[in-house]
PDB file of N, CA and C in Angstrom:
ATOM      1  N   MET A   1       8.971   1.023   7.929  1.00  0.00           N
ATOM      2  CA  MET A   1      10.266  -0.069   8.589  1.00  0.00           C
ATOM      3  C   MET A   1       9.975   0.476   9.892  1.00  0.00           C
ATOM      4  N   VAL A   2      10.670  -0.635  10.317  1.00  0.00           N
ATOM      5  CA  VAL A   2      11.501  -1.070  11.779  1.00  0.00           C
ATOM      6  C   VAL A   2      12.377  -1.150  12.746  1.00  0.00           C
ATOM      7  N   VAL A   3      12.575  -1.699  13.492  1.00  0.00           N
ATOM      8  CA  VAL A   3      14.283  -2.271  13.787  1.00  0.00           C
ATOM      9  C   VAL A   3      13.827  -3.330  15.007  1.00  0.00           C
ATOM     10  N   LYS A   4      13.523  -4.433  14.204  1.00  0.00           N
ATOM     11  CA  LYS A   4      12.922  -5.658  15.105  1.00  0.00           C
ATOM     12  C   LYS A   4      13.733  -5.355  16.834  1.00  0.00           C
ATOM     13  N   GLY A   5      12.234  -5.390  17.740  1.00  0.00           N
ATOM     14  CA  GLY A   5      12.432  -5.824  18.570  1.00  0.00           C
ATOM     15  C   GLY A   5      12.386  -4.152  19.603  1.00  0.00           C
ATOM     16  N   THR A   6      11.595  -3.030  18.813  1.00  0.00           N
ATOM     17  CA  THR A   6      12.359  -1.887  18.955  1.00  0.00           C
ATOM     18  C   THR A   6      10.856  -1.385  18.230  1.00  0.00           C
ATOM     19  N   ALA A   7      10.634   0.003  19.060  1.00  0.00           N
ATOM     20  CA  ALA A   7       9.811   1.108  17.998  1.00  0.00           C
ATOM     21  C   ALA A   7      10.216   2.218  17.693  1.00  0.00           C
ATOM     22  N   THR A   8      11.648   1.427  16.896  1.00  0.00           N
ATOM     23  CA  THR A   8      12.372   2.698  16.096  1.00  0.00           C
ATOM     24  C   THR A   8      11.709   2.119  14.822  1.00  0.00           C
ATOM     25  N   GLY A   9      11.788   3.552  14.468  1.00  0.00           N
ATOM     26  CA  GLY A   9      10.504   2.401  12.672  1.00  0.00           C
ATOM     27  C   GLY A   9      10.587   4.514  11.739  1.00  0.00           C
ATOM     28  N   THR A  10      10.670   3.904  10.778  1.00  0.00           N
ATOM     29  CA  THR A  10      10.314   5.366   9.622  1.00  0.00           C
ATOM     30  C   THR A  10       9.652   5.199   9.135  1.00  0.00           C
ATOM     31  N   VAL A  11       9.151   5.594   7.731  1.00  0.00           N
ATOM     32  CA  VAL A  11       8.643   5.225   6.585  1.00  0.00           C
ATOM     33  C   VAL A  11       9.593   5.861   4.844  1.00  0.00           C
ATOM     34  N   THR A  12       9.239   5.053   4.231  1.00  0.00           N
ATOM     35  CA  THR A  12       9.291   5.763   2.649  1.00  0.00           C
ATOM     36  C   THR A  12       8.782   6.567   2.235  1.00  0.00           C
ATOM     37  N   ASP A  13       9.816   7.525   1.594  1.00  0.00           N
ATOM     38  CA  ASP A  13       8.906   9.164   1.077  1.00  0.00           C
ATOM     39  C   ASP A  13       8.663   8.170  -0.089  1.00  0.00           C
ATOM     40  N   PHE A  14       8.101   9.017  -1.297  1.00  0.00           N
ATOM     41  CA  PHE A  14       7.387   8.854  -2.941  1.00  0.00           C
ATOM     42  C   PHE A  14       8.039   7.471  -2.964  1.00  0.00           C
ATOM     43  N   ASP A  15       9.841   7.869  -3.620  1.00  0.00           N
ATOM     44  CA  ASP A  15      10.362   6.710  -4.491  1.00  0.00           C
ATOM     45  C   ASP A  15      10.587   5.585  -3.715  1.00  0.00           C
ATOM     46  N   GLY A  16      10.474   5.281  -2.082  1.00  0.00           N
ATOM     47  CA  GLY A  16      11.062   4.642  -1.365  1.00  0.00           C
ATOM     48  C   GLY A  16      11.954   4.592  -1.154  1.00  0.00           C
ATOM     49  N   ASN A  17      12.940   5.606  -0.964  1.00  0.00           N
ATOM     50  CA  ASN A  17      13.612   5.901  -0.476  1.00  0.00           C
ATOM     51  C   ASN A  17      13.440   6.269   1.122  1.00  0.00           C
ATOM     52  N   TYR A  18      14.123   5.968   2.317  1.00  0.00           N
ATOM     53  CA  TYR A  18      14.155   5.918   3.531  1.00  0.00           C
ATOM     54  C   TYR A  18      15.761   6.499   4.254  1.00  0.00           C
ATOM     55  N   SER A  19      15.258   6.214   6.074  1.00  0.00           N
ATOM     56  CA  SER A  19      16.681   6.249   6.599  1.00  0.00           C
ATOM     57  C   SER A  19      16.605   6.847   7.665  1.00  0.00           C
ATOM     58  N   ILE A  20      17.403   5.875   7.865  1.00  0.00           N
ATOM     59  CA  ILE A  20      17.180   4.481   9.722  1.00  0.00           C
ATOM     60  C   ILE A  20      18.004   4.714  10.657  1.00  0.00           C
ATOM     61  N   GLU A  21      18.399   4.910  11.659  1.00  0.00           N
ATOM     62  CA  GLU A  21      19.750   4.706  12.219  1.00  0.00           C
ATOM     63  C   GLU A  21      19.150   3.560  13.231  1.00  0.00           C
ATOM     64  N   VAL A  22      20.309   1.496  12.720  1.00  0.00           N
ATOM     65  CA  VAL A  22      20.105   1.230  12.970  1.00  0.00           C
ATOM     66  C   VAL A  22      21.542  -0.301  13.752  1.00  0.00           C
ATOM     67  N   GLY A  23      21.704  -0.694  14.500  1.00  0.00           N
ATOM     68  CA  GLY A  23      23.042  -1.343  14.842  1.00  0.00           C
ATOM     69  C   GLY A  23      23.133  -2.293  13.948  1.00  0.00           C
ATOM     70  N   SER A  24      25.075  -2.136  13.956  1.00  0.00           N
ATOM     71  CA  SER A  24      25.114  -3.124  12.424  1.00  0.00           C
ATOM     72  C   SER A  24      25.094  -4.784  13.025  1.00  0.00           C
ATOM     73  N   SER A  25      24.596  -4.718  14.111  1.00  0.00           N
ATOM     74  CA  SER A  25      23.665  -6.307  13.730  1.00  0.00           C
ATOM     75  C   SER A  25      21.854  -6.609  13.725  1.00  0.00           C
ATOM     76  N   GLY A  26      21.548  -5.044  13.844  1.00  0.00           N
ATOM     77  CA  GLY A  26      20.029  -5.173  13.618  1.00  0.00           C
ATOM     78  C   GLY A  26      18.972  -5.600  12.677  1.00  0.00           C
ATOM     79  N   THR A  27      18.727  -6.301  13.071  1.00  0.00           N
ATOM     80  CA  THR A  27      17.236  -6.725  11.590  1.00  0.00           C
ATOM     81  C   THR A  27      16.522  -5.282  10.846  1.00  0.00           C
ATOM     82  N   LEU A  28      16.023  -5.136   9.954  1.00  0.00           N
ATOM     83  CA  LEU A  28      15.423  -4.206   9.982  1.00  0.00           C
ATOM     84  C   LEU A  28      13.519  -5.503   9.273  1.00  0.00           C
ATOM     85  N   VAL A  29      12.952  -5.009   9.664  1.00  0.00           N
ATOM     86  CA  VAL A  29      11.256  -5.323   8.934  1.00  0.00           C
ATOM     87  C   VAL A  29      10.940  -4.300   8.491  1.00  0.00           C
ATOM     88  N   PHE A  30       9.956  -4.462   7.105  1.00  0.00           N
ATOM     89  CA  PHE A  30       9.980  -4.276   6.198  1.00  0.00           C
ATOM     90  C   PHE A  30       8.188  -4.849   5.745  1.00  0.00           C
ATOM     91  N   SER A  31       7.636  -3.689   6.008  1.00  0.00           N
ATOM     92  CA  SER A  31       5.949  -4.330   5.902  1.00  0.00           C
ATOM     93  C   SER A  31       4.707  -2.767   5.100  1.00  0.00           C
ATOM     94  N   TYR A  32       4.328  -4.219   4.906  1.00  0.00           N
ATOM     95  CA  TYR A  32       2.789  -2.426   3.627  1.00  0.00           C
ATOM     96  C   TYR A  32       2.350  -3.382   4.062  1.00  0.00           C
ATOM     97  N   ILE A  33       0.697  -2.636   3.887  1.00  0.00           N
ATOM     98  CA  ILE A  33      -1.179  -3.912   3.560  1.00  0.00           C
ATOM     99  C   ILE A  33      -0.198  -4.352   2.056  1.00  0.00           C
ATOM    100  N   GLY A  34      -1.222  -5.457   2.279  1.00  0.00           N
ATOM    101  CA  GLY A  34      -0.841  -6.288   1.435  1.00  0.00           C
ATOM    102  C   GLY A  34       0.527  -6.996   0.406  1.00  0.00           C
ATOM    103  N   TYR A  35       1.320  -6.999   0.921  1.00  0.00           N
ATOM    104  CA  TYR A  35       2.407  -7.194   0.913  1.00  0.00           C
ATOM    105  C   TYR A  35       3.342  -7.841   2.114  1.00  0.00           C
ATOM    106  N   LYS A  36       3.995  -9.383   1.866  1.00  0.00           N
ATOM    107  CA  LYS A  36       4.114 -10.030   2.614  1.00  0.00           C
ATOM    108  C   LYS A  36       5.241  -9.577   3.428  1.00  0.00           C
ATOM    109  N   THR A  37       5.829  -9.275   4.710  1.00  0.00           N
ATOM    110  CA  THR A  37       6.961  -9.142   5.542  1.00  0.00           C
ATOM    111  C   THR A  37       7.998  -9.556   4.767  1.00  0.00           C
ATOM    112  N   VAL A  38       8.705  -8.546   5.165  1.00  0.00           N
ATOM    113  CA  VAL A  38      10.320  -9.201   4.778  1.00  0.00           C
ATOM    114  C   VAL A  38      11.906  -8.261   5.686  1.00  0.00           C
ATOM    115  N   GLU A  39      12.233  -9.552   6.520  1.00  0.00           N
ATOM    116  CA  GLU A  39      12.838  -8.909   7.222  1.00  0.00           C
ATOM    117  C   GLU A  39      14.025  -9.601   6.587  1.00  0.00           C
ATOM    118  N   VAL A  40      15.365  -8.035   6.628  1.00  0.00           N
ATOM    119  CA  VAL A  40      16.434  -7.845   6.181  1.00  0.00           C
ATOM    120  C   VAL A  40      17.301  -7.465   7.543  1.00  0.00           C
ATOM    121  N   VAL A  41      18.872  -8.610   8.064  1.00  0.00           N
ATOM    122  CA  VAL A  41      19.685  -8.201   8.637  1.00  0.00           C
ATOM    123  C   VAL A  41      20.788  -7.375   7.984  1.00  0.00           C
ATOM    124  N   VAL A  42      21.043  -6.377   8.861  1.00  0.00           N
ATOM    125  CA  VAL A  42      22.294  -5.459   7.787  1.00  0.00           C
ATOM    126  C   VAL A  42      23.070  -5.668   8.115  1.00  0.00           C
ATOM    127  N   ASN A  43      24.120  -6.624   8.924  1.00  0.00           N
ATOM    128  CA  ASN A  43      25.408  -6.808   8.850  1.00  0.00           C
ATOM    129  C   ASN A  43      26.099  -5.483   8.846  1.00  0.00           C
ATOM    130  N   GLY A  44      26.501  -5.122   9.405  1.00  0.00           N
ATOM    131  CA  GLY A  44      26.735  -4.043   8.579  1.00  0.00           C
ATOM    132  C   GLY A  44      26.888  -2.724   7.084  1.00  0.00           C
ATOM    133  N   LYS A  45      26.283  -2.955   7.149  1.00  0.00           N
ATOM    134  CA  LYS A  45      25.245  -2.355   5.526  1.00  0.00           C
ATOM    135  C   LYS A  45      25.488  -0.631   5.653  1.00  0.00           C
ATOM    136  N   SER A  46      25.655   0.430   4.813  1.00  0.00           N
ATOM    137  CA  SER A  46      24.797   1.307   5.029  1.00  0.00           C
ATOM    138  C   SER A  46      23.875   1.636   3.984  1.00  0.00           C
ATOM    139  N   VAL A  47      23.368   0.406   2.972  1.00  0.00           N
ATOM    140  CA  VAL A  47      22.304   0.255   1.983  1.00  0.00           C
ATOM    141  C   VAL A  47      21.670  -0.851   2.291  1.00  0.00           C
ATOM    142  N   ILE A  48      20.204  -0.625   2.180  1.00  0.00           N
ATOM    143  CA  ILE A  48      19.692  -1.858   2.469  1.00  0.00           C
ATOM    144  C   ILE A  48      18.527  -1.769   1.182  1.00  0.00           C
ATOM    145  N   ASN A  49      18.925  -1.987  -0.339  1.00  0.00           N
ATOM    146  CA  ASN A  49      17.230  -1.946  -0.485  1.00  0.00           C
ATOM    147  C   ASN A  49      16.905  -3.560  -0.734  1.00  0.00           C
ATOM    148  N   THR A  50      15.246  -3.414  -0.760  1.00  0.00           N
ATOM    149  CA  THR A  50      14.441  -5.360  -0.716  1.00  0.00           C
ATOM    150  C   THR A  50      13.408  -4.174  -1.944  1.00  0.00           C
ATOM    151  N   ILE A  51      12.990  -5.857  -1.962  1.00  0.00           N
ATOM    152  CA  ILE A  51      11.455  -5.891  -2.852  1.00  0.00           C
ATOM    153  C   ILE A  51      10.447  -6.466  -1.778  1.00  0.00           C
ATOM    154  N   LEU A  52       8.830  -5.880  -1.452  1.00  0.00           N
ATOM    155  CA  LEU A  52       7.840  -6.840  -1.520  1.00  0.00           C
ATOM    156  C   LEU A  52       7.162  -7.266  -2.069  1.00  0.00           C
ATOM    157  N   PRO A  53       7.403  -8.727  -1.576  1.00  0.00           N
ATOM    158  CA  PRO A  53       6.557  -9.987  -2.674  1.00  0.00           C
ATOM    159  C   PRO A  53       5.019  -9.438  -2.016  1.00  0.00           C
ATOM    160  N   ILE A  54       3.936  -9.139  -2.959  1.00  0.00           N
ATOM    161  CA  ILE A  54       2.782  -9.722  -2.490  1.00  0.00           C
ATOM    162  C   ILE A  54       2.115 -10.898  -2.630  1.00  0.00           C
ATOM    163  N   ASP A  55       1.249 -10.292  -1.312  1.00  0.00           N
ATOM    164  CA  ASP A  55       1.101 -11.170  -0.083  1.00  0.00           C
ATOM    165  C   ASP A  55      -1.132 -10.767  -0.522  1.00  0.00           C
ATOM    166  N   ALA A  56      -1.144 -12.361  -1.383  1.00  0.00           N
ATOM    167  CA  ALA A  56      -2.805 -11.591  -1.860  1.00  0.00           C
ATOM    168  C   ALA A  56      -3.829 -12.333  -1.729  1.00  0.00           C
ATOM    169  N   THR A  57      -3.074 -13.744  -0.437  1.00  0.00           N
ATOM    170  CA  THR A  57      -3.987 -14.365   0.647  1.00  0.00           C
ATOM    171  C   THR A  57      -4.733 -12.928   1.571  1.00  0.00           C
ATOM    172  N   GLN A  58      -3.856 -11.659   1.805  1.00  0.00           N
ATOM    173  CA  GLN A  58      -4.545 -11.078   2.549  1.00  0.00           C
ATOM    174  C   GLN A  58      -5.709 -10.357   0.976  1.00  0.00           C
ATOM    175  N   LEU A  59      -5.940 -10.332   0.681  1.00  0.00           N
ATOM    176  CA  LEU A  59      -6.815  -9.561  -1.342  1.00  0.00           C
ATOM    177  C   LEU A  59      -8.321 -10.554  -0.215  1.00  0.00           C
ATOM    178  N   ASP A  60      -8.902 -10.083   0.703  1.00  0.00           N
ATOM    179  CA  ASP A  60     -10.556 -11.197   0.488  1.00  0.00           C
ATOM    180  C   ASP A  60     -11.363 -10.306  -0.231  1.00  0.00           C
ATOM    181  N   ASP A  61     -11.931  -8.932  -0.315  1.00  0.00           N
ATOM    182  CA  ASP A  61     -12.975  -8.268  -0.965  1.00  0.00           C
ATOM    183  C   ASP A  61     -12.234  -7.821  -1.983  1.00  0.00           C
ATOM    184  N   VAL A  62     -12.479  -7.960  -3.235  1.00  0.00           N
ATOM    185  CA  VAL A  62     -12.556  -6.701  -4.164  1.00  0.00           C
ATOM    186  C   VAL A  62     -14.203  -6.016  -5.173  1.00  0.00           C
ATOM    187  N   VAL A  63     -13.730  -4.727  -5.017  1.00  0.00           N
ATOM    188  CA  VAL A  63     -15.005  -3.971  -4.809  1.00  0.00           C
ATOM    189  C   VAL A  63     -14.690  -3.794  -6.419  1.00  0.00           C
ATOM    190  N   VAL A  64     -15.837  -3.349  -6.586  1.00  0.00           N
ATOM    191  CA  VAL A  64     -15.715  -3.129  -8.316  1.00  0.00           C
ATOM    192  C   VAL A  64     -16.455  -1.550  -8.385  1.00  0.00           C
ATOM    193  N   VAL A  65     -16.295  -0.715  -9.330  1.00  0.00           N
ATOM    194  CA  VAL A  65     -17.185   0.819  -9.062  1.00  0.00           C
ATOM    195  C   VAL A  65     -17.277   1.012 -10.382  1.00  0.00           C
ATOM    196  N   GLY A  66     -18.389   0.317 -11.228  1.00  0.00           N
ATOM    197  CA  GLY A  66     -19.231   1.303 -12.581  1.00  0.00           C
ATOM    198  C   GLY A  66     -18.840   2.625 -12.301  1.00  0.00           C
ATOM    199  N   LEU A  67     -19.367   3.263 -13.942  1.00  0.00           N
ATOM    200  CA  LEU A  67     -19.534   4.974 -13.534  1.00  0.00           C
ATOM    201  C   LEU A  67     -20.487   4.043 -15.255  1.00  0.00           C
ATOM    202  N   TRP A  68     -21.457   5.232 -15.044  1.00  0.00           N
ATOM    203  CA  TRP A  68     -22.393   5.172 -15.558  1.00  0.00           C
ATOM    204  C   TRP A  68     -22.944   7.009 -16.229  1.00  0.00           C
ATOM    205  N   TYR A  69     -22.897   7.486 -17.437  1.00  0.00           N
ATOM    206  CA  TYR A  69     -22.831   9.142 -17.371  1.00  0.00           C
ATOM    207  C   TYR A  69     -24.052   9.033 -18.405  1.00  0.00           C
ATOM    208  N   PRO A  70     -25.503   9.134 -18.260  1.00  0.00           N
ATOM    209  CA  PRO A  70     -26.681   9.453 -19.176  1.00  0.00           C
ATOM    210  C   PRO A  70     -26.326  10.653 -20.522  1.00  0.00           C
ATOM    211  N   GLU A  71     -27.080  10.104 -21.522  1.00  0.00           N
ATOM    212  CA  GLU A  71     -27.715  10.696 -22.485  1.00  0.00           C
ATOM    213  C   GLU A  71     -27.459  12.297 -21.526  1.00  0.00           C
ATOM    214  N   LYS A  72     -28.109  13.929 -22.472  1.00  0.00           N
ATOM    215  CA  LYS A  72     -28.825  14.138 -21.629  1.00  0.00           C
ATOM    216  C   LYS A  72     -30.646  13.901 -22.860  1.00  0.00           C
ATOM    217  N   SER A  73     -30.748  13.468 -24.095  1.00  0.00           N
ATOM    218  CA  SER A  73     -31.647  13.007 -23.684  1.00  0.00           C
ATOM    219  C   SER A  73     -32.838  11.413 -22.748  1.00  0.00           C
ATOM    220  N   GLU A  74     -32.303  10.840 -22.260  1.00  0.00           N
ATOM    221  CA  GLU A  74     -32.395   9.761 -20.865  1.00  0.00           C
ATOM    222  C   GLU A  74     -32.226  10.716 -19.734  1.00  0.00           C
ATOM    223  N   VAL A  75     -31.326  11.709 -19.144  1.00  0.00           N
ATOM    224  CA  VAL A  75     -32.831  12.220 -18.007  1.00  0.00           C
ATOM    225  C   VAL A  75     -33.278  13.516 -18.492  1.00  0.00           C
ATOM    226  N   THR A  76     -34.123  13.942 -19.592  1.00  0.00           N
ATOM    227  CA  THR A  76     -35.442  14.605 -19.757  1.00  0.00           C
ATOM    228  C   THR A  76     -36.324  13.629 -19.939  1.00  0.00           C
ATOM    229  N   SER A  77     -35.947  12.523 -20.561  1.00  0.00           N
ATOM    230  CA  SER A  77     -36.979  11.033 -19.851  1.00  0.00           C
ATOM    231  C   SER A  77     -37.484  10.734 -18.902  1.00  0.00           C
ATOM    232  N   SER A  78     -36.703  10.485 -18.503  1.00  0.00           N
ATOM    233  CA  SER A  78     -36.940  10.015 -17.234  1.00  0.00           C
ATOM    234  C   SER A  78     -37.158  11.022 -15.950  1.00  0.00           C
ATOM    235  N   ILE A  79     -36.999  12.510 -16.124  1.00  0.00           N
ATOM    236  CA  ILE A  79     -37.536  13.256 -15.780  1.00  0.00           C
ATOM    237  C   ILE A  79     -39.205  13.718 -15.668  1.00  0.00           C
ATOM    238  N   SER A  80     -39.221  13.528 -17.412  1.00  0.00           N
ATOM    239  CA  SER A  80     -40.763  13.433 -17.537  1.00  0.00           C
ATOM    240  C   SER A  80     -41.523  12.461 -16.429  1.00  0.00           C
ATOM    241  N   GLN A  81     -41.178  10.942 -16.957  1.00  0.00           N
ATOM    242  CA  GLN A  81     -41.450  10.231 -16.258  1.00  0.00           C
ATOM    243  C   GLN A  81     -41.652  10.529 -14.945  1.00  0.00           C
ATOM    244  N   ILE A  82     -40.958  11.041 -14.281  1.00  0.00           N
ATOM    245  CA  ILE A  82     -41.581  10.743 -12.848  1.00  0.00           C
ATOM    246  C   ILE A  82     -42.675  12.354 -13.036  1.00  0.00           C
ATOM    247  N   LYS A  83     -42.462  13.221 -13.594  1.00  0.00           N
ATOM    248  CA  LYS A  83     -43.522  14.241 -13.743  1.00  0.00           C
ATOM    249  C   LYS A  83     -45.254  13.641 -13.398  1.00  0.00           C
ATOM    250  N   ARG A  84     -45.304  12.900 -13.944  1.00  0.00           N
ATOM    251  CA  ARG A  84     -46.563  11.813 -15.653  1.00  0.00           C
ATOM    252  C   ARG A  84     -47.378  11.686 -13.758  1.00  0.00           C
TER     253      ARG A  84
END
């Protein structure tokens, strides 16, 4: 997140905790890839929690990966066919 209109920012830890210094009238801008940006006015609060809604419009491509683990007999028969 960043303080709106500045280069002051921080990132959250694994649990979503963060610490940042901002004036009591400042605005925090929370953003993350694949989620909608949320702006929260501080209004003198010392704790601000927010949830970023998913932004499905940013998901242009979906990649599907399939894995195949051949049986030993399939590998052996494939090798013997190559040797012929």
